[in-house]
């Protein structure tokens, strides 16, 4: 394996959905369409096989298959990252990290809560992370503070310990704390490392603090708007519009987290993507009231994007 320890592009890195057929099988043609959609909206990279992908409901074979297809479909246009840790002994996790890396991803994502239990200390976590690093032959890594099975936050001290290895290039941040984001970014200065914030209440503030980009579930409902924000957050001529976008993100925060990811699939279906609402995860039911609220949000979104001269992507079936 040849490690390319370089930082990923700045911008929007979507946490990809997994399309399923109505019978519950992975819909690979649908995944091809969805991958094209993310790329056409301007995504700077792709995070396949993540929580939004229903990774815990996928088999190991499906995780590999999905990741490989996304890499092949992206075809070098943008880098792809994918999760490689799903619990068990470090040797077992290291083996799967290498299998994911062999699909051609730029980095393999470590779920922080898969290396230590909630009761175990940061010292235990760090020891196991170093074991994983030692057993994965230079594979570039990322970290994700996934809320499932529990959320384990990464302290600046942990970053300061790991960054000198040169192996950590990506971090999907879910600390929800702008002051903590700033501390992490301070520690990371000078390293080929990108922090991508998932918490859209802090979207503009994190970007202005130096975050490399955004990696959020909102990008599965209105990716063009997230791309616009990543491109214009610091544009002095667009600050009134930037403030308006941030207000929209804040006002829709609770709704986009409801019945997710089914609600996201509904939103994509409404705009013409051939994606089933089938979801393997056990989530809240998509009620008629929820659909009505999402429809209203999508109307508000259409007006906002029209005012900002954002052209929504119109999809065609993949070749």
Foldseek 3Di string as FASTA:
>chain_A
DDADLFAFAFEEAEADAFFADPVGHTDLLLLLQRLVQLVVLPHQEYEYLDVLNVNVLDDLVVQLVSLLSSCVSCVPVHAYEYEQADADQLLVSLVSLLSSVVSPGNAYEYEQCRQDDPPDDVVSSLVSVVVSVVSNVLGAYEYEQDPPVHGDDDALVSCLVPQVVSRYAEYEDDPLDLVRLLSNVVSCPPHSHAYAYADLLCQLVSVVSPHSYHYYLVCLQVVSLRRVCSVPSPPPVCVVLNVVSSVLCVVCVVLSPAQPPLLSQVNVVVLPRPGDSDDPDDGDDCDPVSVVVVVVSVVVVVVSCVVVVGDRDRTDRDD
